[in-house]
mmCIF file of all heavy atoms, coordinates in Angstrom:
data_MODEL
# 
_entry.id   MODEL 
# 
loop_
_atom_site.group_PDB 
_atom_site.id 
_atom_site.type_symbol 
_atom_site.label_atom_id 
_atom_site.label_alt_id 
_atom_site.label_comp_id 
_atom_site.label_asym_id 
_atom_site.label_entity_id 
_atom_site.label_seq_id 
_atom_site.pdbx_PDB_ins_code 
_atom_site.Cartn_x 
_atom_site.Cartn_y 
_atom_site.Cartn_z 
_atom_site.occupancy 
_atom_site.B_iso_or_equiv 
_atom_site.pdbx_formal_charge 
_atom_site.auth_seq_id 
_atom_site.auth_comp_id 
_atom_site.auth_asym_id 
_atom_site.auth_atom_id 
_atom_site.pdbx_PDB_model_num 
ATOM 1   N N   . ASN A 1 1  ? 16.082  -9.002  -4.906 1.00 0.00 ? 1  ASN A N   1 
ATOM 2   C CA  . ASN A 1 1  ? 14.653  -8.592  -5.092 1.00 0.00 ? 1  ASN A CA  1 
ATOM 3   C C   . ASN A 1 1  ? 14.025  -9.706  -5.859 1.00 0.00 ? 1  ASN A C   1 
ATOM 4   O O   . ASN A 1 1  ? 12.888  -10.045 -5.671 1.00 0.00 ? 1  ASN A O   1 
ATOM 5   C CB  . ASN A 1 1  ? 14.462  -7.319  -5.693 1.00 0.00 ? 1  ASN A CB  1 
ATOM 6   C CG  . ASN A 1 1  ? 14.916  -6.134  -4.831 1.00 0.00 ? 1  ASN A CG  1 
ATOM 7   O OD1 . ASN A 1 1  ? 14.998  -6.283  -3.593 1.00 0.00 ? 1  ASN A OD1 1 
ATOM 8   N ND2 . ASN A 1 1  ? 15.099  -4.978  -5.363 1.00 0.00 ? 1  ASN A ND2 1 
ATOM 9   N N   . THR A 1 2  ? 14.710  -10.147 -6.881 1.00 0.00 ? 2  THR A N   1 
ATOM 10  C CA  . THR A 1 2  ? 14.042  -11.361 -7.740 1.00 0.00 ? 2  THR A CA  1 
ATOM 11  C C   . THR A 1 2  ? 13.893  -12.516 -6.929 1.00 0.00 ? 2  THR A C   1 
ATOM 12  O O   . THR A 1 2  ? 12.894  -13.148 -7.093 1.00 0.00 ? 2  THR A O   1 
ATOM 13  C CB  . THR A 1 2  ? 15.121  -11.589 -8.916 1.00 0.00 ? 2  THR A CB  1 
ATOM 14  O OG1 . THR A 1 2  ? 15.256  -10.390 -9.761 1.00 0.00 ? 2  THR A OG1 1 
ATOM 15  C CG2 . THR A 1 2  ? 14.475  -12.698 -9.846 1.00 0.00 ? 2  THR A CG2 1 
ATOM 16  N N   . VAL A 1 3  ? 14.857  -12.883 -6.086 1.00 0.00 ? 3  VAL A N   1 
ATOM 17  C CA  . VAL A 1 3  ? 14.701  -14.119 -5.359 1.00 0.00 ? 3  VAL A CA  1 
ATOM 18  C C   . VAL A 1 3  ? 13.606  -13.866 -4.327 1.00 0.00 ? 3  VAL A C   1 
ATOM 19  O O   . VAL A 1 3  ? 12.679  -14.753 -4.091 1.00 0.00 ? 3  VAL A O   1 
ATOM 20  C CB  . VAL A 1 3  ? 16.064  -14.401 -4.613 1.00 0.00 ? 3  VAL A CB  1 
ATOM 21  C CG1 . VAL A 1 3  ? 15.822  -15.563 -3.580 1.00 0.00 ? 3  VAL A CG1 1 
ATOM 22  C CG2 . VAL A 1 3  ? 17.078  -14.862 -5.593 1.00 0.00 ? 3  VAL A CG2 1 
ATOM 23  N N   . LEU A 1 4  ? 13.503  -12.714 -3.586 1.00 0.00 ? 4  LEU A N   1 
ATOM 24  C CA  . LEU A 1 4  ? 12.484  -12.490 -2.620 1.00 0.00 ? 4  LEU A CA  1 
ATOM 25  C C   . LEU A 1 4  ? 11.086  -12.583 -3.265 1.00 0.00 ? 4  LEU A C   1 
ATOM 26  O O   . LEU A 1 4  ? 10.096  -13.113 -2.655 1.00 0.00 ? 4  LEU A O   1 
ATOM 27  C CB  . LEU A 1 4  ? 12.676  -11.181 -1.929 1.00 0.00 ? 4  LEU A CB  1 
ATOM 28  C CG  . LEU A 1 4  ? 13.838  -10.998 -1.105 1.00 0.00 ? 4  LEU A CG  1 
ATOM 29  C CD1 . LEU A 1 4  ? 14.010  -9.723  -0.525 1.00 0.00 ? 4  LEU A CD1 1 
ATOM 30  C CD2 . LEU A 1 4  ? 13.654  -12.054 0.191  1.00 0.00 ? 4  LEU A CD2 1 
ATOM 31  N N   . VAL A 1 5  ? 10.979  -11.758 -4.402 1.00 0.00 ? 5  VAL A N   1 
ATOM 32  C CA  . VAL A 1 5  ? 9.555   -11.765 -4.980 1.00 0.00 ? 5  VAL A CA  1 
ATOM 33  C C   . VAL A 1 5  ? 9.255   -13.226 -5.566 1.00 0.00 ? 5  VAL A C   1 
ATOM 34  O O   . VAL A 1 5  ? 8.059   -13.652 -5.304 1.00 0.00 ? 5  VAL A O   1 
ATOM 35  C CB  . VAL A 1 5  ? 9.576   -10.876 -6.227 1.00 0.00 ? 5  VAL A CB  1 
ATOM 36  C CG1 . VAL A 1 5  ? 8.335   -11.028 -7.092 1.00 0.00 ? 5  VAL A CG1 1 
ATOM 37  C CG2 . VAL A 1 5  ? 9.779   -9.405  -5.778 1.00 0.00 ? 5  VAL A CG2 1 
ATOM 38  N N   . ALA A 1 6  ? 10.176  -13.975 -6.107 1.00 0.00 ? 6  ALA A N   1 
ATOM 39  C CA  . ALA A 1 6  ? 9.796   -15.382 -6.567 1.00 0.00 ? 6  ALA A CA  1 
ATOM 40  C C   . ALA A 1 6  ? 9.476   -16.152 -5.384 1.00 0.00 ? 6  ALA A C   1 
ATOM 41  O O   . ALA A 1 6  ? 8.593   -17.115 -5.519 1.00 0.00 ? 6  ALA A O   1 
ATOM 42  C CB  . ALA A 1 6  ? 10.970  -15.897 -7.497 1.00 0.00 ? 6  ALA A CB  1 
ATOM 43  N N   . GLY A 1 7  ? 10.281  -16.026 -4.336 1.00 0.00 ? 7  GLY A N   1 
ATOM 44  C CA  . GLY A 1 7  ? 9.930   -16.876 -3.069 1.00 0.00 ? 7  GLY A CA  1 
ATOM 45  C C   . GLY A 1 7  ? 8.550   -16.546 -2.546 1.00 0.00 ? 7  GLY A C   1 
ATOM 46  O O   . GLY A 1 7  ? 7.810   -17.471 -2.103 1.00 0.00 ? 7  GLY A O   1 
ATOM 47  N N   . LEU A 1 8  ? 8.264   -15.281 -2.536 1.00 0.00 ? 8  LEU A N   1 
ATOM 48  C CA  . LEU A 1 8  ? 6.862   -14.914 -1.915 1.00 0.00 ? 8  LEU A CA  1 
ATOM 49  C C   . LEU A 1 8  ? 5.876   -15.437 -2.819 1.00 0.00 ? 8  LEU A C   1 
ATOM 50  O O   . LEU A 1 8  ? 4.754   -15.942 -2.352 1.00 0.00 ? 8  LEU A O   1 
ATOM 51  C CB  . LEU A 1 8  ? 6.795   -13.372 -1.883 1.00 0.00 ? 8  LEU A CB  1 
ATOM 52  C CG  . LEU A 1 8  ? 5.473   -12.770 -1.371 1.00 0.00 ? 8  LEU A CG  1 
ATOM 53  C CD1 . LEU A 1 8  ? 5.118   -13.306 0.051  1.00 0.00 ? 8  LEU A CD1 1 
ATOM 54  C CD2 . LEU A 1 8  ? 5.566   -11.312 -1.406 1.00 0.00 ? 8  LEU A CD2 1 
ATOM 55  N N   . ILE A 1 9  ? 5.998   -15.308 -4.184 1.00 0.00 ? 9  ILE A N   1 
ATOM 56  C CA  . ILE A 1 9  ? 4.936   -15.908 -5.070 1.00 0.00 ? 9  ILE A CA  1 
ATOM 57  C C   . ILE A 1 9  ? 4.835   -17.370 -4.912 1.00 0.00 ? 9  ILE A C   1 
ATOM 58  O O   . ILE A 1 9  ? 3.615   -17.964 -4.837 1.00 0.00 ? 9  ILE A O   1 
ATOM 59  C CB  . ILE A 1 9  ? 5.231   -15.519 -6.602 1.00 0.00 ? 9  ILE A CB  1 
ATOM 60  C CG1 . ILE A 1 9  ? 5.239   -14.021 -6.762 1.00 0.00 ? 9  ILE A CG1 1 
ATOM 61  C CG2 . ILE A 1 9  ? 4.375   -16.290 -7.594 1.00 0.00 ? 9  ILE A CG2 1 
ATOM 62  C CD1 . ILE A 1 9  ? 5.721   -13.644 -8.085 1.00 0.00 ? 9  ILE A CD1 1 
ATOM 63  N N   . GLY A 1 10 ? 5.892   -18.149 -4.754 1.00 0.00 ? 10 GLY A N   1 
ATOM 64  C CA  . GLY A 1 10 ? 6.000   -19.500 -4.498 1.00 0.00 ? 10 GLY A CA  1 
ATOM 65  C C   . GLY A 1 10 ? 5.244   -19.924 -3.198 1.00 0.00 ? 10 GLY A C   1 
ATOM 66  O O   . GLY A 1 10 ? 4.495   -20.863 -3.145 1.00 0.00 ? 10 GLY A O   1 
ATOM 67  N N   . LEU A 1 11 ? 5.525   -19.098 -2.157 1.00 0.00 ? 11 LEU A N   1 
ATOM 68  C CA  . LEU A 1 11 ? 4.864   -19.370 -0.845 1.00 0.00 ? 11 LEU A CA  1 
ATOM 69  C C   . LEU A 1 11 ? 3.377   -19.184 -0.966 1.00 0.00 ? 11 LEU A C   1 
ATOM 70  O O   . LEU A 1 11 ? 2.618   -20.035 -0.479 1.00 0.00 ? 11 LEU A O   1 
ATOM 71  C CB  . LEU A 1 11 ? 5.392   -18.330 0.180  1.00 0.00 ? 11 LEU A CB  1 
ATOM 72  C CG  . LEU A 1 11 ? 4.786   -18.432 1.520  1.00 0.00 ? 11 LEU A CG  1 
ATOM 73  C CD1 . LEU A 1 11 ? 4.929   -19.832 2.218  1.00 0.00 ? 11 LEU A CD1 1 
ATOM 74  C CD2 . LEU A 1 11 ? 5.404   -17.427 2.493  1.00 0.00 ? 11 LEU A CD2 1 
ATOM 75  N N   . LEU A 1 12 ? 2.831   -18.146 -1.754 1.00 0.00 ? 12 LEU A N   1 
ATOM 76  C CA  . LEU A 1 12 ? 1.502   -17.893 -1.842 1.00 0.00 ? 12 LEU A CA  1 
ATOM 77  C C   . LEU A 1 12 ? 0.755   -18.984 -2.600 1.00 0.00 ? 12 LEU A C   1 
ATOM 78  O O   . LEU A 1 12 ? -0.274  -19.406 -2.330 1.00 0.00 ? 12 LEU A O   1 
ATOM 79  C CB  . LEU A 1 12 ? 1.202   -16.587 -2.467 1.00 0.00 ? 12 LEU A CB  1 
ATOM 80  C CG  . LEU A 1 12 ? 1.560   -15.267 -1.652 1.00 0.00 ? 12 LEU A CG  1 
ATOM 81  C CD1 . LEU A 1 12 ? 1.445   -13.999 -2.557 1.00 0.00 ? 12 LEU A CD1 1 
ATOM 82  C CD2 . LEU A 1 12 ? 0.749   -15.147 -0.457 1.00 0.00 ? 12 LEU A CD2 1 
ATOM 83  N N   . LEU A 1 13 ? 1.412   -19.417 -3.705 1.00 0.00 ? 13 LEU A N   1 
ATOM 84  C CA  . LEU A 1 13 ? 0.890   -20.538 -4.377 1.00 0.00 ? 13 LEU A CA  1 
ATOM 85  C C   . LEU A 1 13 ? 0.902   -21.894 -3.624 1.00 0.00 ? 13 LEU A C   1 
ATOM 86  O O   . LEU A 1 13 ? -0.120  -22.612 -3.747 1.00 0.00 ? 13 LEU A O   1 
ATOM 87  C CB  . LEU A 1 13 ? 1.755   -20.707 -5.689 1.00 0.00 ? 13 LEU A CB  1 
ATOM 88  C CG  . LEU A 1 13 ? 1.722   -19.617 -6.743 1.00 0.00 ? 13 LEU A CG  1 
ATOM 89  C CD1 . LEU A 1 13 ? 2.606   -19.976 -7.887 1.00 0.00 ? 13 LEU A CD1 1 
ATOM 90  C CD2 . LEU A 1 13 ? 0.213   -19.460 -7.262 1.00 0.00 ? 13 LEU A CD2 1 
ATOM 91  N N   . GLY A 1 14 ? 1.855   -21.979 -2.841 1.00 0.00 ? 14 GLY A N   1 
ATOM 92  C CA  . GLY A 1 14 ? 1.933   -23.199 -1.861 1.00 0.00 ? 14 GLY A CA  1 
ATOM 93  C C   . GLY A 1 14 ? 0.772   -23.182 -0.890 1.00 0.00 ? 14 GLY A C   1 
ATOM 94  O O   . GLY A 1 14 ? 0.106   -24.145 -0.682 1.00 0.00 ? 14 GLY A O   1 
ATOM 95  N N   . ILE A 1 15 ? 0.429   -21.945 -0.323 1.00 0.00 ? 15 ILE A N   1 
ATOM 96  C CA  . ILE A 1 15 ? -0.739  -21.828 0.597  1.00 0.00 ? 15 ILE A CA  1 
ATOM 97  C C   . ILE A 1 15 ? -1.988  -22.202 -0.127 1.00 0.00 ? 15 ILE A C   1 
ATOM 98  O O   . ILE A 1 15 ? -2.854  -22.923 0.406  1.00 0.00 ? 15 ILE A O   1 
ATOM 99  C CB  . ILE A 1 15 ? -0.782  -20.441 1.236  1.00 0.00 ? 15 ILE A CB  1 
ATOM 100 C CG1 . ILE A 1 15 ? 0.491   -20.294 2.070  1.00 0.00 ? 15 ILE A CG1 1 
ATOM 101 C CG2 . ILE A 1 15 ? -2.041  -20.211 2.001  1.00 0.00 ? 15 ILE A CG2 1 
ATOM 102 C CD1 . ILE A 1 15 ? 0.641   -18.792 2.588  1.00 0.00 ? 15 ILE A CD1 1 
ATOM 103 N N   . VAL A 1 16 ? -2.112  -21.716 -1.317 1.00 0.00 ? 16 VAL A N   1 
ATOM 104 C CA  . VAL A 1 16 ? -3.407  -21.925 -2.149 1.00 0.00 ? 16 VAL A CA  1 
ATOM 105 C C   . VAL A 1 16 ? -3.489  -23.536 -2.430 1.00 0.00 ? 16 VAL A C   1 
ATOM 106 O O   . VAL A 1 16 ? -4.520  -24.061 -2.277 1.00 0.00 ? 16 VAL A O   1 
ATOM 107 C CB  . VAL A 1 16 ? -3.394  -21.148 -3.411 1.00 0.00 ? 16 VAL A CB  1 
ATOM 108 C CG1 . VAL A 1 16 ? -4.542  -21.570 -4.352 1.00 0.00 ? 16 VAL A CG1 1 
ATOM 109 C CG2 . VAL A 1 16 ? -3.466  -19.710 -3.190 1.00 0.00 ? 16 VAL A CG2 1 
ATOM 110 N N   . ALA A 1 17 ? -2.324  -24.014 -2.761 1.00 0.00 ? 17 ALA A N   1 
ATOM 111 C CA  . ALA A 1 17 ? -2.326  -25.525 -2.995 1.00 0.00 ? 17 ALA A CA  1 
ATOM 112 C C   . ALA A 1 17 ? -2.763  -26.288 -1.723 1.00 0.00 ? 17 ALA A C   1 
ATOM 113 O O   . ALA A 1 17 ? -3.435  -27.342 -1.796 1.00 0.00 ? 17 ALA A O   1 
ATOM 114 C CB  . ALA A 1 17 ? -0.946  -25.874 -3.540 1.00 0.00 ? 17 ALA A CB  1 
ATOM 115 N N   . ALA A 1 18 ? -2.264  -25.852 -0.595 1.00 0.00 ? 18 ALA A N   1 
ATOM 116 C CA  . ALA A 1 18 ? -2.476  -26.473 0.673  1.00 0.00 ? 18 ALA A CA  1 
ATOM 117 C C   . ALA A 1 18 ? -4.075  -26.432 1.061  1.00 0.00 ? 18 ALA A C   1 
ATOM 118 O O   . ALA A 1 18 ? -4.624  -27.344 1.461  1.00 0.00 ? 18 ALA A O   1 
ATOM 119 C CB  . ALA A 1 18 ? -1.657  -25.910 1.860  1.00 0.00 ? 18 ALA A CB  1 
ATOM 120 N N   . LEU A 1 19 ? -4.702  -25.255 0.690  1.00 0.00 ? 19 LEU A N   1 
ATOM 121 C CA  . LEU A 1 19 ? -6.126  -25.075 0.922  1.00 0.00 ? 19 LEU A CA  1 
ATOM 122 C C   . LEU A 1 19 ? -6.982  -25.977 0.060  1.00 0.00 ? 19 LEU A C   1 
ATOM 123 O O   . LEU A 1 19 ? -8.067  -26.491 0.394  1.00 0.00 ? 19 LEU A O   1 
ATOM 124 C CB  . LEU A 1 19 ? -6.534  -23.643 0.753  1.00 0.00 ? 19 LEU A CB  1 
ATOM 125 C CG  . LEU A 1 19 ? -5.817  -22.703 1.803  1.00 0.00 ? 19 LEU A CG  1 
ATOM 126 C CD1 . LEU A 1 19 ? -6.196  -21.269 1.456  1.00 0.00 ? 19 LEU A CD1 1 
ATOM 127 C CD2 . LEU A 1 19 ? -6.452  -22.986 3.217  1.00 0.00 ? 19 LEU A CD2 1 
ATOM 128 N N   . VAL A 1 20 ? -6.509  -26.180 -1.195 1.00 0.00 ? 20 VAL A N   1 
ATOM 129 C CA  . VAL A 1 20 ? -7.347  -26.968 -2.123 1.00 0.00 ? 20 VAL A CA  1 
ATOM 130 C C   . VAL A 1 20 ? -6.885  -28.369 -2.264 1.00 0.00 ? 20 VAL A C   1 
ATOM 131 O O   . VAL A 1 20 ? -7.476  -29.121 -3.026 1.00 0.00 ? 20 VAL A O   1 
ATOM 132 C CB  . VAL A 1 20 ? -7.347  -26.319 -3.555 1.00 0.00 ? 20 VAL A CB  1 
ATOM 133 C CG1 . VAL A 1 20 ? -7.847  -24.711 -3.451 1.00 0.00 ? 20 VAL A CG1 1 
ATOM 134 C CG2 . VAL A 1 20 ? -5.940  -26.257 -4.096 1.00 0.00 ? 20 VAL A CG2 1 
ATOM 135 N N   . TYR A 1 21 ? -5.820  -28.743 -1.503 1.00 0.00 ? 21 TYR A N   1 
ATOM 136 C CA  . TYR A 1 21 ? -5.280  -30.090 -1.731 1.00 0.00 ? 21 TYR A CA  1 
ATOM 137 C C   . TYR A 1 21 ? -6.366  -31.119 -1.314 1.00 0.00 ? 21 TYR A C   1 
ATOM 138 O O   . TYR A 1 21 ? -6.577  -32.115 -2.146 1.00 0.00 ? 21 TYR A O   1 
ATOM 139 C CB  . TYR A 1 21 ? -4.036  -30.257 -0.895 1.00 0.00 ? 21 TYR A CB  1 
ATOM 140 C CG  . TYR A 1 21 ? -3.424  -31.580 -0.897 1.00 0.00 ? 21 TYR A CG  1 
ATOM 141 C CD1 . TYR A 1 21 ? -2.728  -32.102 -1.970 1.00 0.00 ? 21 TYR A CD1 1 
ATOM 142 C CD2 . TYR A 1 21 ? -3.535  -32.399 0.192  1.00 0.00 ? 21 TYR A CD2 1 
ATOM 143 C CE1 . TYR A 1 21 ? -2.225  -33.349 -2.074 1.00 0.00 ? 21 TYR A CE1 1 
ATOM 144 C CE2 . TYR A 1 21 ? -3.023  -33.744 0.245  1.00 0.00 ? 21 TYR A CE2 1 
ATOM 145 C CZ  . TYR A 1 21 ? -2.401  -34.087 -0.948 1.00 0.00 ? 21 TYR A CZ  1 
ATOM 146 O OH  . TYR A 1 21 ? -1.801  -35.431 -0.897 1.00 0.00 ? 21 TYR A OH  1 
ATOM 147 N N   . GLU A 1 22 ? -6.804  -31.084 -0.145 1.00 0.00 ? 22 GLU A N   1 
ATOM 148 C CA  . GLU A 1 22 ? -7.832  -32.148 0.343  1.00 0.00 ? 22 GLU A CA  1 
ATOM 149 C C   . GLU A 1 22 ? -9.085  -32.136 -0.547 1.00 0.00 ? 22 GLU A C   1 
ATOM 150 O O   . GLU A 1 22 ? -9.548  -33.275 -0.902 1.00 0.00 ? 22 GLU A O   1 
ATOM 151 C CB  . GLU A 1 22 ? -8.086  -31.958 1.708  1.00 0.00 ? 22 GLU A CB  1 
ATOM 152 C CG  . GLU A 1 22 ? -6.890  -32.232 2.685  1.00 0.00 ? 22 GLU A CG  1 
ATOM 153 C CD  . GLU A 1 22 ? -7.172  -32.007 4.165  1.00 0.00 ? 22 GLU A CD  1 
ATOM 154 O OE1 . GLU A 1 22 ? -8.367  -31.727 4.454  1.00 0.00 ? 22 GLU A OE1 1 
ATOM 155 O OE2 . GLU A 1 22 ? -6.304  -32.250 4.920  1.00 0.00 ? 22 GLU A OE2 1 
ATOM 156 N N   . PRO A 1 23 ? -9.756  -30.975 -0.781 1.00 0.00 ? 23 PRO A N   1 
ATOM 157 C CA  . PRO A 1 23 ? -10.950 -31.104 -1.667 1.00 0.00 ? 23 PRO A CA  1 
ATOM 158 C C   . PRO A 1 23 ? -10.613 -31.730 -3.117 1.00 0.00 ? 23 PRO A C   1 
ATOM 159 O O   . PRO A 1 23 ? -11.342 -32.539 -3.604 1.00 0.00 ? 23 PRO A O   1 
ATOM 160 C CB  . PRO A 1 23 ? -11.314 -29.593 -1.772 1.00 0.00 ? 23 PRO A CB  1 
ATOM 161 C CG  . PRO A 1 23 ? -10.867 -29.005 -0.600 1.00 0.00 ? 23 PRO A CG  1 
ATOM 162 C CD  . PRO A 1 23 ? -9.621  -29.686 -0.278 1.00 0.00 ? 23 PRO A CD  1 
ATOM 163 N N   . VAL A 1 24 ? -9.523  -31.329 -3.646 1.00 0.00 ? 24 VAL A N   1 
ATOM 164 C CA  . VAL A 1 24 ? -9.206  -32.009 -4.926 1.00 0.00 ? 24 VAL A CA  1 
ATOM 165 C C   . VAL A 1 24 ? -8.919  -33.411 -4.886 1.00 0.00 ? 24 VAL A C   1 
ATOM 166 O O   . VAL A 1 24 ? -9.323  -34.208 -5.723 1.00 0.00 ? 24 VAL A O   1 
ATOM 167 C CB  . VAL A 1 24 ? -7.951  -31.117 -5.522 1.00 0.00 ? 24 VAL A CB  1 
ATOM 168 C CG1 . VAL A 1 24 ? -7.371  -31.922 -6.824 1.00 0.00 ? 24 VAL A CG1 1 
ATOM 169 C CG2 . VAL A 1 24 ? -8.324  -29.779 -5.879 1.00 0.00 ? 24 VAL A CG2 1 
# 
């Protein structure tokens, strides 16, 4: 569960980073 939750959080943060990458 720890690995799954941490992986999901990392994925969501990665998606956010991908959305703001080009504007930044």
